[in-house]
Every structure is written in C-alpha cells, then in structure tokens.
Amino acid sequence: MKVGFIGLGRMGQAMAARLLGGGHDLVVYNRSRDKAAELEKNGAKVAGSIAEACKGREVVISMVSDDKALTDVVKEISGALDKGAIHVAMGTHGVHVLREVDAVHGKLGQKFVASPVLGRPEAAAAGQINIVPAGPADAIEKLAPLNAVMGRRTFPAGTKPEGAAAVKLGNNMLIGCAIEAMGEAFSLVRKYGVDPAAFYEVFTDGLFSAPAYKVYGNIIAKELYSQAGFTTALALKDTGLMLAAGLAANVPLPSLSVYRDRLLAAMANGDENCDWAVMARHQARAAGLDK
C-alpha cells in the first residue's frame, strides 16, 4: 500500500519501521530530517514537505504530539490528499479537535480515522501495540493490513473518531490512577522496611499480573524514571484532554484530580522529561521518603 507517515518521534519511528518492514511503499516526513535517517537507510523515501508526503498516497498517518500540531498538519494534509484517500491520526488527541479534523476532510471527500495506540515505544518496535480505530467502516477495513503489521490487536471504537479518543483517554486515566495507587502502596511498605522488589513480586505474581502493573511496578521498584517511554509532560497534556472530554459529556472524574496533581508536583520539581511513573517518587517524598 502507498503510505505517507508524518511525525517521527520515538513511537512514530518504530511504527514507520514496522510498515517499511511489512513491504509497504513508505514516504516519511518530519520537521527534523535527521529523525528519518534510519528509515531512509532502510528504503523509505523522505519528503521535503507534508504535501509531498501526501501526494499520491492511499493512506497518510500522522503521529504528532498534541492537538495544536494536528491542527497545523491537517491544513497541509487535506490540501494535498486525493479524494477518497484516508488520513489516520494515531496520536492522542481531544474529542473536539477530532470532530473538527473529521469535518475538514469530509468537505473535501477524504476519509478520516482516529486511531490512537496503546503501548510504549519498545512495544511499537516489536509490533505489539494495541490500536483503537474509529471512523468509516470501509476505511477501517482498508487499514487492516497496516494495523496488522504495526500492532498486536485492534479494538474498533465505532464510526465517530471521538470514540477512539474516549477509549485512549480512559485507558491512560486508568494507568495514571494505577501508578498513583502503586506509588502510595510502595510508600507504605517502604515505611515498614520492606524491599520494594519483594512487594513488586507480591502484587504482580498474584493480585495484578497485567502488563501495566508489571511494567510500571518495575519502574517504581527500581526507580527507572530516567528511562522515559512516556513523559510526565505528555501525561499532563493528556489529563487536560481527559478533563475536557469529561466536561463535554458531564462525566465527573474525581480520581483524575489526584493523579493530575501528582503530575503537576513532578513538573514543578523539574521531572517533565522523566517517565510519568516518576509521580511515585513524589508520593514517596510526601511520605517522608527519598528527600
């Protein structure tokens, strides 16, 4: 399939590499061209502009960091994409912006699918992320070969793009609240002289054996906060999207306030580029540990 890929952060690079390895005709674009070097070496074409990355493509994937970036790139994508072609936004975005982007493409006869991903960069590199597409059924069907190469499983979220955002934001809220709860539990056992590694084994072997608890519990137990798969700054950005989505639908989210405040404490103490699990460190400090 002829695919354009815009946005080559850690996740974008890993996902684009999977597409290239799957034999697809890939054109990539990133503002900093150096991030495309490895992909170019392996056979991808590097575009000099967003418009060039969209020309003649059946599918164009954007993997950009926030709503402003998506709003900026969609102007050029919609202006260069062929009628009937598909724009897939695979970043984490707010419901209002996705509605606006969908309307832009609809007016031009193009198709839009919101398709956020669940997983960290290492999972993306191994093709083990989960993908949550929402949009026209025929477009999602056409994307199936691409999703099969990039991910482990897809979870269709309906025909409205904002449905995918709701799933992704709800998922990230659950993980964030889980990290906060783990941080509190680790603080409690440490206060009583228990080795964090021993507590980690207790809850991941029995109570919570799910990947998120294993991954983030390990980060907390070993204090691997500098190895950022998803930063505090990005996590805080997402909490704003969560609050906006809840407000738009009259959904109270009281647990989100606790999780968001812990992220704000991490930001205030210079940990914006650490893995978001670093909020467990700030919980420990609140408990008189790790001063």
C-alpha atoms as a PDB file:
ATOM      1  CA  MET A   1       0.000   0.000   0.000  1.00  0.00           C
ATOM      2  CA  LYS A   2       1.180   3.559  -0.687  1.00  0.00           C
ATOM      3  CA  VAL A   3       1.573   5.162   2.745  1.00  0.00           C
ATOM      4  CA  GLY A   4       2.702   8.567   3.942  1.00  0.00           C
ATOM      5  CA  PHE A   5       3.870   8.953   7.543  1.00  0.00           C
ATOM      6  CA  ILE A   6       4.119  12.321   9.301  1.00  0.00           C
ATOM      7  CA  GLY A   7       5.741  12.676  12.726  1.00  0.00           C
ATOM      8  CA  LEU A   8       8.807  10.655  13.675  1.00  0.00           C
ATOM      9  CA  GLY A   9       9.121  10.764  17.431  1.00  0.00           C
ATOM     10  CA  ARG A  10      10.051   7.530  19.201  1.00  0.00           C
ATOM     11  CA  MET A  11       6.629   5.987  18.597  1.00  0.00           C
ATOM     12  CA  GLY A  12       6.421   7.272  15.030  1.00  0.00           C
ATOM     13  CA  GLN A  13       9.833   5.923  14.091  1.00  0.00           C
ATOM     14  CA  ALA A  14       9.013   2.495  15.486  1.00  0.00           C
ATOM     15  CA  MET A  15       5.632   2.325  13.744  1.00  0.00           C
ATOM     16  CA  ALA A  16       7.004   3.556  10.424  1.00  0.00           C
ATOM     17  CA  ALA A  17       9.779   0.960  10.606  1.00  0.00           C
ATOM     18  CA  ARG A  18       7.149  -1.757  11.026  1.00  0.00           C
ATOM     19  CA  LEU A  19       5.322  -0.556   7.903  1.00  0.00           C
ATOM     20  CA  LEU A  20       8.538  -0.455   5.928  1.00  0.00           C
ATOM     21  CA  GLY A  21       9.448  -3.945   7.093  1.00  0.00           C
ATOM     22  CA  GLY A  22       5.999  -5.111   6.019  1.00  0.00           C
ATOM     23  CA  GLY A  23       6.758  -4.207   2.412  1.00  0.00           C
ATOM     24  CA  HIS A  24       4.654  -1.060   2.091  1.00  0.00           C
ATOM     25  CA  ASP A  25       5.664   1.849  -0.159  1.00  0.00           C
ATOM     26  CA  LEU A  26       6.526   4.411   2.521  1.00  0.00           C
ATOM     27  CA  VAL A  27       7.164   8.149   2.324  1.00  0.00           C
ATOM     28  CA  VAL A  28       8.002   9.857   5.630  1.00  0.00           C
ATOM     29  CA  TYR A  29       8.185  13.456   6.807  1.00  0.00           C
ATOM     30  CA  ASN A  30       9.443  15.066   9.987  1.00  0.00           C
ATOM     31  CA  ARG A  31      10.387  18.666  10.695  1.00  0.00           C
ATOM     32  CA  SER A  32      13.804  17.455  11.862  1.00  0.00           C
ATOM     33  CA  ARG A  33      15.030  15.387   8.912  1.00  0.00           C
ATOM     34  CA  ASP A  34      17.677  13.598  10.983  1.00  0.00           C
ATOM     35  CA  LYS A  35      14.944  11.524  12.649  1.00  0.00           C
ATOM     36  CA  ALA A  36      14.228   9.955   9.259  1.00  0.00           C
ATOM     37  CA  ALA A  37      17.838   8.849   8.699  1.00  0.00           C
ATOM     38  CA  GLU A  38      17.424   5.222   9.778  1.00  0.00           C
ATOM     39  CA  LEU A  39      14.208   4.808   7.833  1.00  0.00           C
ATOM     40  CA  GLU A  40      15.797   6.328   4.733  1.00  0.00           C
ATOM     41  CA  LYS A  41      18.741   3.962   5.029  1.00  0.00           C
ATOM     42  CA  ASN A  42      16.293   1.055   5.068  1.00  0.00           C
ATOM     43  CA  GLY A  43      14.434   2.153   1.947  1.00  0.00           C
ATOM     44  CA  ALA A  44      11.862   4.762   2.915  1.00  0.00           C
ATOM     45  CA  LYS A  45      11.542   7.907   0.826  1.00  0.00           C
ATOM     46  CA  VAL A  46      11.950  11.150   2.763  1.00  0.00           C
ATOM     47  CA  ALA A  47       9.661  14.004   1.743  1.00  0.00           C
ATOM     48  CA  GLY A  48      10.698  17.632   1.906  1.00  0.00           C
ATOM     49  CA  SER A  49       7.218  18.757   2.936  1.00  0.00           C
ATOM     50  CA  ILE A  50       3.937  17.445   4.303  1.00  0.00           C
ATOM     51  CA  ALA A  51       2.319  17.960   0.908  1.00  0.00           C
ATOM     52  CA  GLU A  52       4.996  15.838  -0.745  1.00  0.00           C
ATOM     53  CA  ALA A  53       4.439  13.079   1.828  1.00  0.00           C
ATOM     54  CA  CYS A  54       0.721  13.051   0.915  1.00  0.00           C
ATOM     55  CA  LYS A  55       0.934  13.200  -2.878  1.00  0.00           C
ATOM     56  CA  GLY A  56      -0.446  10.026  -4.468  1.00  0.00           C
ATOM     57  CA  ARG A  57      -0.758   8.227  -1.131  1.00  0.00           C
ATOM     58  CA  GLU A  58      -3.690   5.948  -0.349  1.00  0.00           C
ATOM     59  CA  VAL A  59      -3.198   6.443   3.377  1.00  0.00           C
ATOM     60  CA  VAL A  60      -1.418   9.165   5.334  1.00  0.00           C
ATOM     61  CA  ILE A  61      -0.677   8.565   9.005  1.00  0.00           C
ATOM     62  CA  SER A  62       0.004  11.423  11.389  1.00  0.00           C
ATOM     63  CA  MET A  63       1.703  10.697  14.710  1.00  0.00           C
ATOM     64  CA  VAL A  64       2.060  14.152  16.272  1.00  0.00           C
ATOM     65  CA  SER A  65       2.333  15.185  19.894  1.00  0.00           C
ATOM     66  CA  ASP A  66      -0.725  17.329  20.589  1.00  0.00           C
ATOM     67  CA  ASP A  67      -3.864  18.995  19.266  1.00  0.00           C
ATOM     68  CA  LYS A  68      -2.077  22.105  18.006  1.00  0.00           C
ATOM     69  CA  ALA A  69       0.314  20.001  15.969  1.00  0.00           C
ATOM     70  CA  LEU A  70      -2.578  18.031  14.464  1.00  0.00           C
ATOM     71  CA  THR A  71      -4.461  21.224  13.616  1.00  0.00           C
ATOM     72  CA  ASP A  72      -1.337  22.577  11.923  1.00  0.00           C
ATOM     73  CA  VAL A  73      -0.583  19.495   9.828  1.00  0.00           C
ATOM     74  CA  VAL A  74      -4.175  18.809   8.771  1.00  0.00           C
ATOM     75  CA  LYS A  75      -4.217  22.040   6.794  1.00  0.00           C
ATOM     76  CA  GLU A  76      -1.456  20.718   4.551  1.00  0.00           C
ATOM     77  CA  ILE A  77      -2.637  17.096   4.589  1.00  0.00           C
ATOM     78  CA  SER A  78      -6.159  17.987   3.475  1.00  0.00           C
ATOM     79  CA  GLY A  79      -4.801  20.253   0.765  1.00  0.00           C
ATOM     80  CA  ALA A  80      -2.640  17.525  -0.762  1.00  0.00           C
ATOM     81  CA  LEU A  81      -4.567  14.298  -0.117  1.00  0.00           C
ATOM     82  CA  ASP A  82      -6.525  12.752  -3.007  1.00  0.00           C
ATOM     83  CA  LYS A  83     -10.285  12.465  -2.817  1.00  0.00           C
ATOM     84  CA  GLY A  84     -11.195   9.157  -1.171  1.00  0.00           C
ATOM     85  CA  ALA A  85      -7.772   8.810   0.484  1.00  0.00           C
ATOM     86  CA  ILE A  86      -7.533   8.252   4.227  1.00  0.00           C
ATOM     87  CA  HIS A  87      -5.888  10.354   6.923  1.00  0.00           C
ATOM     88  CA  VAL A  88      -5.238   8.353  10.089  1.00  0.00           C
ATOM     89  CA  ALA A  89      -4.419  10.330  13.257  1.00  0.00           C
ATOM     90  CA  MET A  90      -2.614   7.905  15.567  1.00  0.00           C
ATOM     91  CA  GLY A  91      -1.580  10.355  18.271  1.00  0.00           C
ATOM     92  CA  THR A  92      -3.576  11.133  21.412  1.00  0.00           C
ATOM     93  CA  HIS A  93      -5.991  13.987  20.717  1.00  0.00           C
ATOM     94  CA  GLY A  94      -9.029  15.682  22.192  1.00  0.00           C
ATOM     95  CA  VAL A  95     -12.576  14.959  21.129  1.00  0.00           C
ATOM     96  CA  HIS A  96     -13.295  18.498  19.913  1.00  0.00           C
ATOM     97  CA  VAL A  97     -10.242  18.643  17.641  1.00  0.00           C
ATOM     98  CA  LEU A  98     -11.012  15.240  16.142  1.00  0.00           C
ATOM     99  CA  ARG A  99     -14.505  16.427  15.246  1.00  0.00           C
ATOM    100  CA  GLU A 100     -13.038  19.493  13.551  1.00  0.00           C
ATOM    101  CA  VAL A 101     -10.485  17.464  11.591  1.00  0.00           C
ATOM    102  CA  ASP A 102     -13.186  14.997  10.517  1.00  0.00           C
ATOM    103  CA  ALA A 103     -15.279  17.893   9.186  1.00  0.00           C
ATOM    104  CA  VAL A 104     -12.329  19.315   7.218  1.00  0.00           C
ATOM    105  CA  HIS A 105     -11.706  16.010   5.452  1.00  0.00           C
ATOM    106  CA  GLY A 106     -15.411  15.349   4.917  1.00  0.00           C
ATOM    107  CA  LYS A 107     -15.869  18.578   2.994  1.00  0.00           C
ATOM    108  CA  LEU A 108     -13.089  17.531   0.608  1.00  0.00           C
ATOM    109  CA  GLY A 109     -14.327  13.981   0.047  1.00  0.00           C
ATOM    110  CA  GLN A 110     -11.484  12.490   2.072  1.00  0.00           C
ATOM    111  CA  LYS A 111     -11.815   9.946   4.874  1.00  0.00           C
ATOM    112  CA  PHE A 112     -10.628  10.420   8.438  1.00  0.00           C
ATOM    113  CA  VAL A 113      -9.916   7.773  11.063  1.00  0.00           C
ATOM    114  CA  ALA A 114      -8.773   8.485  14.606  1.00  0.00           C
ATOM    115  CA  SER A 115      -6.607   5.545  15.609  1.00  0.00           C
ATOM    116  CA  PRO A 116      -4.662   6.116  18.849  1.00  0.00           C
ATOM    117  CA  VAL A 117      -2.332   3.404  20.058  1.00  0.00           C
ATOM    118  CA  LEU A 118      -1.856   1.748  23.433  1.00  0.00           C
ATOM    119  CA  GLY A 119       1.707   0.859  24.364  1.00  0.00           C
ATOM    120  CA  ARG A 120       5.232   2.149  24.811  1.00  0.00           C
ATOM    121  CA  PRO A 121       7.925   2.644  22.111  1.00  0.00           C
ATOM    122  CA  GLU A 122       9.519  -0.743  22.757  1.00  0.00           C
ATOM    123  CA  ALA A 123       6.143  -2.415  22.167  1.00  0.00           C
ATOM    124  CA  ALA A 124       5.708  -0.424  18.945  1.00  0.00           C
ATOM    125  CA  ALA A 125       9.098  -1.604  17.704  1.00  0.00           C
ATOM    126  CA  ALA A 126       8.048  -5.208  18.293  1.00  0.00           C
ATOM    127  CA  GLY A 127       4.630  -4.757  16.662  1.00  0.00           C
ATOM    128  CA  GLN A 128       2.919  -5.363  20.000  1.00  0.00           C
ATOM    129  CA  ILE A 129       0.911  -2.174  20.479  1.00  0.00           C
ATOM    130  CA  ASN A 130      -2.881  -2.208  20.534  1.00  0.00           C
ATOM    131  CA  ILE A 131      -4.692   0.051  18.072  1.00  0.00           C
ATOM    132  CA  VAL A 132      -8.076   1.736  18.582  1.00  0.00           C
ATOM    133  CA  PRO A 133      -9.538   2.898  15.240  1.00  0.00           C
ATOM    134  CA  ALA A 134     -12.778   4.846  14.890  1.00  0.00           C
ATOM    135  CA  GLY A 135     -14.217   6.207  11.644  1.00  0.00           C
ATOM    136  CA  PRO A 136     -15.881   4.944   8.447  1.00  0.00           C
ATOM    137  CA  ALA A 137     -16.144   1.151   8.428  1.00  0.00           C
ATOM    138  CA  ASP A 138     -14.744   0.809   4.907  1.00  0.00           C
ATOM    139  CA  ALA A 139     -11.724   2.941   5.811  1.00  0.00           C
ATOM    140  CA  ILE A 140     -11.008   0.879   8.915  1.00  0.00           C
ATOM    141  CA  GLU A 141     -11.265  -2.290   6.800  1.00  0.00           C
ATOM    142  CA  LYS A 142      -8.754  -0.902   4.312  1.00  0.00           C
ATOM    143  CA  LEU A 143      -6.354  -0.091   7.167  1.00  0.00           C
ATOM    144  CA  ALA A 144      -6.408  -3.675   8.456  1.00  0.00           C
ATOM    145  CA  PRO A 145      -3.164  -4.773   6.691  1.00  0.00           C
ATOM    146  CA  LEU A 146      -1.311  -1.760   8.100  1.00  0.00           C
ATOM    147  CA  ASN A 147      -2.660  -2.305  11.611  1.00  0.00           C
ATOM    148  CA  ALA A 148      -1.719  -5.992  11.417  1.00  0.00           C
ATOM    149  CA  VAL A 149       1.911  -5.026  10.773  1.00  0.00           C
ATOM    150  CA  MET A 150       2.060  -2.292  13.410  1.00  0.00           C
ATOM    151  CA  GLY A 151       0.091  -3.860  16.235  1.00  0.00           C
ATOM    152  CA  ARG A 152      -0.920  -6.916  18.175  1.00  0.00           C
ATOM    153  CA  ARG A 153      -4.653  -6.288  18.087  1.00  0.00           C
ATOM    154  CA  THR A 154      -7.200  -3.677  17.012  1.00  0.00           C
ATOM    155  CA  PHE A 155     -10.196  -2.562  19.066  1.00  0.00           C
ATOM    156  CA  PRO A 156     -12.690  -0.768  16.767  1.00  0.00           C
ATOM    157  CA  ALA A 157     -14.413   2.080  18.610  1.00  0.00           C
ATOM    158  CA  GLY A 158     -17.263   2.954  16.272  1.00  0.00           C
ATOM    159  CA  THR A 159     -17.820   5.286  13.342  1.00  0.00           C
ATOM    160  CA  LYS A 160     -17.172   8.595  15.110  1.00  0.00           C
ATOM    161  CA  PRO A 161     -13.475   9.499  15.507  1.00  0.00           C
ATOM    162  CA  GLU A 162     -14.012  10.907  19.012  1.00  0.00           C
ATOM    163  CA  GLY A 163     -14.921   7.389  20.187  1.00  0.00           C
ATOM    164  CA  ALA A 164     -11.294   6.367  19.746  1.00  0.00           C
ATOM    165  CA  ALA A 165     -10.193   9.349  21.827  1.00  0.00           C
ATOM    166  CA  ALA A 166     -12.573   8.347  24.615  1.00  0.00           C
ATOM    167  CA  VAL A 167     -11.061   4.850  24.723  1.00  0.00           C
ATOM    168  CA  LYS A 168      -7.465   6.120  24.686  1.00  0.00           C
ATOM    169  CA  LEU A 169      -8.074   8.797  27.318  1.00  0.00           C
ATOM    170  CA  GLY A 170      -9.994   6.397  29.531  1.00  0.00           C
ATOM    171  CA  ASN A 171      -7.186   3.857  29.202  1.00  0.00           C
ATOM    172  CA  ASN A 172      -4.492   6.399  30.089  1.00  0.00           C
ATOM    173  CA  MET A 173      -6.531   7.632  33.028  1.00  0.00           C
ATOM    174  CA  LEU A 174      -6.718   4.083  34.384  1.00  0.00           C
ATOM    175  CA  ILE A 175      -2.951   3.656  34.009  1.00  0.00           C
ATOM    176  CA  GLY A 176      -2.265   7.025  35.639  1.00  0.00           C
ATOM    177  CA  CYS A 177      -4.509   6.243  38.588  1.00  0.00           C
ATOM    178  CA  ALA A 178      -2.877   2.800  38.855  1.00  0.00           C
ATOM    179  CA  ILE A 179       0.579   4.407  39.004  1.00  0.00           C
ATOM    180  CA  GLU A 180      -0.652   6.772  41.722  1.00  0.00           C
ATOM    181  CA  ALA A 181      -2.092   3.855  43.727  1.00  0.00           C
ATOM    182  CA  MET A 182       1.105   1.831  43.286  1.00  0.00           C
ATOM    183  CA  GLY A 183       3.164   4.794  44.440  1.00  0.00           C
ATOM    184  CA  GLU A 184       1.093   5.030  47.603  1.00  0.00           C
ATOM    185  CA  ALA A 185       1.367   1.294  48.265  1.00  0.00           C
ATOM    186  CA  PHE A 186       5.140   1.282  47.684  1.00  0.00           C
ATOM    187  CA  SER A 187       5.493   4.197  50.113  1.00  0.00           C
ATOM    188  CA  LEU A 188       3.540   2.299  52.765  1.00  0.00           C
ATOM    189  CA  VAL A 189       5.606  -0.895  52.590  1.00  0.00           C
ATOM    190  CA  ARG A 190       8.887   1.028  52.433  1.00  0.00           C
ATOM    191  CA  LYS A 191       7.944   2.849  55.632  1.00  0.00           C
ATOM    192  CA  TYR A 192       7.907  -0.582  57.270  1.00  0.00           C
ATOM    193  CA  GLY A 193      11.281  -1.589  55.888  1.00  0.00           C
ATOM    194  CA  VAL A 194      10.050  -3.866  53.106  1.00  0.00           C
ATOM    195  CA  ASP A 195      12.228  -4.218  49.992  1.00  0.00           C
ATOM    196  CA  PRO A 196      10.301  -2.642  47.064  1.00  0.00           C
ATOM    197  CA  ALA A 197      11.370  -5.570  44.851  1.00  0.00           C
ATOM    198  CA  ALA A 198       9.676  -8.014  47.226  1.00  0.00           C
ATOM    199  CA  PHE A 199       6.430  -6.024  47.177  1.00  0.00           C
ATOM    200  CA  TYR A 200       6.598  -5.840  43.390  1.00  0.00           C
ATOM    201  CA  GLU A 201       6.711  -9.645  43.216  1.00  0.00           C
ATOM    202  CA  VAL A 202       3.736  -9.922  45.578  1.00  0.00           C
ATOM    203  CA  PHE A 203       1.285  -7.883  43.541  1.00  0.00           C
ATOM    204  CA  THR A 204       2.462  -8.763  40.015  1.00  0.00           C
ATOM    205  CA  ASP A 205       2.523 -12.508  40.713  1.00  0.00           C
ATOM    206  CA  GLY A 206      -0.930 -12.562  42.217  1.00  0.00           C
ATOM    207  CA  LEU A 207      -3.228  -9.583  42.523  1.00  0.00           C
ATOM    208  CA  PHE A 208      -2.258  -7.641  39.379  1.00  0.00           C
ATOM    209  CA  SER A 209      -0.477  -9.671  36.715  1.00  0.00           C
ATOM    210  CA  ALA A 210      -1.484  -7.330  33.864  1.00  0.00           C
ATOM    211  CA  PRO A 211       1.247  -5.724  31.702  1.00  0.00           C
ATOM    212  CA  ALA A 212       0.732  -2.192  33.033  1.00  0.00           C
ATOM    213  CA  TYR A 213       1.313  -3.261  36.629  1.00  0.00           C
ATOM    214  CA  LYS A 214       4.383  -5.276  35.652  1.00  0.00           C
ATOM    215  CA  VAL A 215       5.900  -2.504  33.532  1.00  0.00           C
ATOM    216  CA  TYR A 216       5.194   0.438  35.816  1.00  0.00           C
ATOM    217  CA  GLY A 217       5.594  -1.514  39.040  1.00  0.00           C
ATOM    218  CA  ASN A 218       9.083  -2.481  37.890  1.00  0.00           C
ATOM    219  CA  ILE A 219       9.920   1.132  37.039  1.00  0.00           C
ATOM    220  CA  ILE A 220       8.803   2.245  40.509  1.00  0.00           C
ATOM    221  CA  ALA A 221      10.534  -0.593  42.353  1.00  0.00           C
ATOM    222  CA  LYS A 222      13.853   0.033  40.564  1.00  0.00           C
ATOM    223  CA  GLU A 223      13.371   3.822  40.241  1.00  0.00           C
ATOM    224  CA  LEU A 224      13.995   3.735  36.486  1.00  0.00           C
ATOM    225  CA  TYR A 225      12.408   7.130  35.967  1.00  0.00           C
ATOM    226  CA  SER A 226      15.055   8.459  33.602  1.00  0.00           C
ATOM    227  CA  GLN A 227      14.191   5.773  31.023  1.00  0.00           C
ATOM    228  CA  ALA A 228      11.162   7.624  29.679  1.00  0.00           C
ATOM    229  CA  GLY A 229       8.764   5.748  27.432  1.00  0.00           C
ATOM    230  CA  PHE A 230       6.041   8.316  28.063  1.00  0.00           C
ATOM    231  CA  THR A 231       6.999  11.581  29.713  1.00  0.00           C
ATOM    232  CA  THR A 232       5.428  13.483  32.583  1.00  0.00           C
ATOM    233  CA  ALA A 233       4.832  16.458  30.277  1.00  0.00           C
ATOM    234  CA  LEU A 234       2.889  14.334  27.781  1.00  0.00           C
ATOM    235  CA  ALA A 235       0.909  12.677  30.572  1.00  0.00           C
ATOM    236  CA  LEU A 236      -0.069  16.080  31.952  1.00  0.00           C
ATOM    237  CA  LYS A 237      -1.150  17.175  28.472  1.00  0.00           C
ATOM    238  CA  ASP A 238      -3.425  14.143  28.284  1.00  0.00           C
ATOM    239  CA  THR A 239      -5.073  14.948  31.625  1.00  0.00           C
ATOM    240  CA  GLY A 240      -6.262  18.220  30.088  1.00  0.00           C
ATOM    241  CA  LEU A 241      -7.863  16.234  27.262  1.00  0.00           C
ATOM    242  CA  MET A 242      -9.458  13.892  29.810  1.00  0.00           C
ATOM    243  CA  LEU A 243     -10.929  16.787  31.780  1.00  0.00           C
ATOM    244  CA  ALA A 244     -12.269  18.395  28.588  1.00  0.00           C
ATOM    245  CA  ALA A 245     -13.853  15.125  27.436  1.00  0.00           C
ATOM    246  CA  GLY A 246     -15.477  14.624  30.830  1.00  0.00           C
ATOM    247  CA  LEU A 247     -16.764  18.191  30.903  1.00  0.00           C
ATOM    248  CA  ALA A 248     -18.224  17.920  27.397  1.00  0.00           C
ATOM    249  CA  ALA A 249     -20.211  14.825  28.387  1.00  0.00           C
ATOM    250  CA  ASN A 250     -20.999  15.798  32.025  1.00  0.00           C
ATOM    251  CA  VAL A 251     -18.865  12.970  33.430  1.00  0.00           C
ATOM    252  CA  PRO A 252     -17.292  13.567  36.872  1.00  0.00           C
ATOM    253  CA  LEU A 253     -13.714  12.220  37.127  1.00  0.00           C
ATOM    254  CA  PRO A 254     -12.679  12.662  40.779  1.00  0.00           C
ATOM    255  CA  SER A 255      -9.735  10.228  40.674  1.00  0.00           C
ATOM    256  CA  LEU A 256      -8.242  12.215  37.811  1.00  0.00           C
ATOM    257  CA  SER A 257      -7.716  15.200  40.108  1.00  0.00           C
ATOM    258  CA  VAL A 258      -5.399  13.225  42.422  1.00  0.00           C
ATOM    259  CA  TYR A 259      -3.421  11.795  39.516  1.00  0.00           C
ATOM    260  CA  ARG A 260      -3.162  15.198  37.812  1.00  0.00           C
ATOM    261  CA  ASP A 261      -1.968  16.921  40.997  1.00  0.00           C
ATOM    262  CA  ARG A 262       0.831  14.356  41.345  1.00  0.00           C
ATOM    263  CA  LEU A 263       1.907  15.044  37.765  1.00  0.00           C
ATOM    264  CA  LEU A 264       1.878  18.778  38.490  1.00  0.00           C
ATOM    265  CA  ALA A 265       4.147  18.192  41.502  1.00  0.00           C
ATOM    266  CA  ALA A 266       6.553  16.262  39.275  1.00  0.00           C
ATOM    267  CA  MET A 267       6.506  19.073  36.704  1.00  0.00           C
ATOM    268  CA  ALA A 268       7.105  21.710  39.397  1.00  0.00           C
ATOM    269  CA  ASN A 269      10.174  19.776  40.541  1.00  0.00           C
ATOM    270  CA  GLY A 270      11.789  19.544  37.116  1.00  0.00           C
ATOM    271  CA  ASP A 271      10.744  15.997  36.183  1.00  0.00           C
ATOM    272  CA  GLU A 272       8.880  16.881  32.988  1.00  0.00           C
ATOM    273  CA  ASN A 273      11.141  14.668  30.840  1.00  0.00           C
ATOM    274  CA  CYS A 274      11.111  11.675  33.187  1.00  0.00           C
ATOM    275  CA  ASP A 275       8.819   8.718  32.679  1.00  0.00           C
ATOM    276  CA  TRP A 276       5.393   9.571  34.059  1.00  0.00           C
ATOM    277  CA  ALA A 277       5.844   6.838  36.673  1.00  0.00           C
ATOM    278  CA  VAL A 278       8.048   9.419  38.432  1.00  0.00           C
ATOM    279  CA  MET A 279       4.913  10.595  40.218  1.00  0.00           C
ATOM    280  CA  ALA A 280       5.577   7.630  42.539  1.00  0.00           C
ATOM    281  CA  ARG A 281       8.790   9.385  43.613  1.00  0.00           C
ATOM    282  CA  HIS A 282       6.792  12.468  44.578  1.00  0.00           C
ATOM    283  CA  GLN A 283       4.356  10.307  46.524  1.00  0.00           C
ATOM    284  CA  ALA A 284       7.372   8.819  48.350  1.00  0.00           C
ATOM    285  CA  ARG A 285       8.638  12.301  49.161  1.00  0.00           C
ATOM    286  CA  ALA A 286       5.215  13.235  50.513  1.00  0.00           C
ATOM    287  CA  ALA A 287       5.574  10.227  52.800  1.00  0.00           C
ATOM    288  CA  GLY A 288       8.955  11.430  54.074  1.00  0.00           C
ATOM    289  CA  LEU A 289      10.984   9.089  51.857  1.00  0.00           C
ATOM    290  CA  ASP A 290      13.543   9.978  49.159  1.00  0.00           C
ATOM    291  CA  LYS A 291      14.103  13.536  50.327  1.00  0.00           C
END
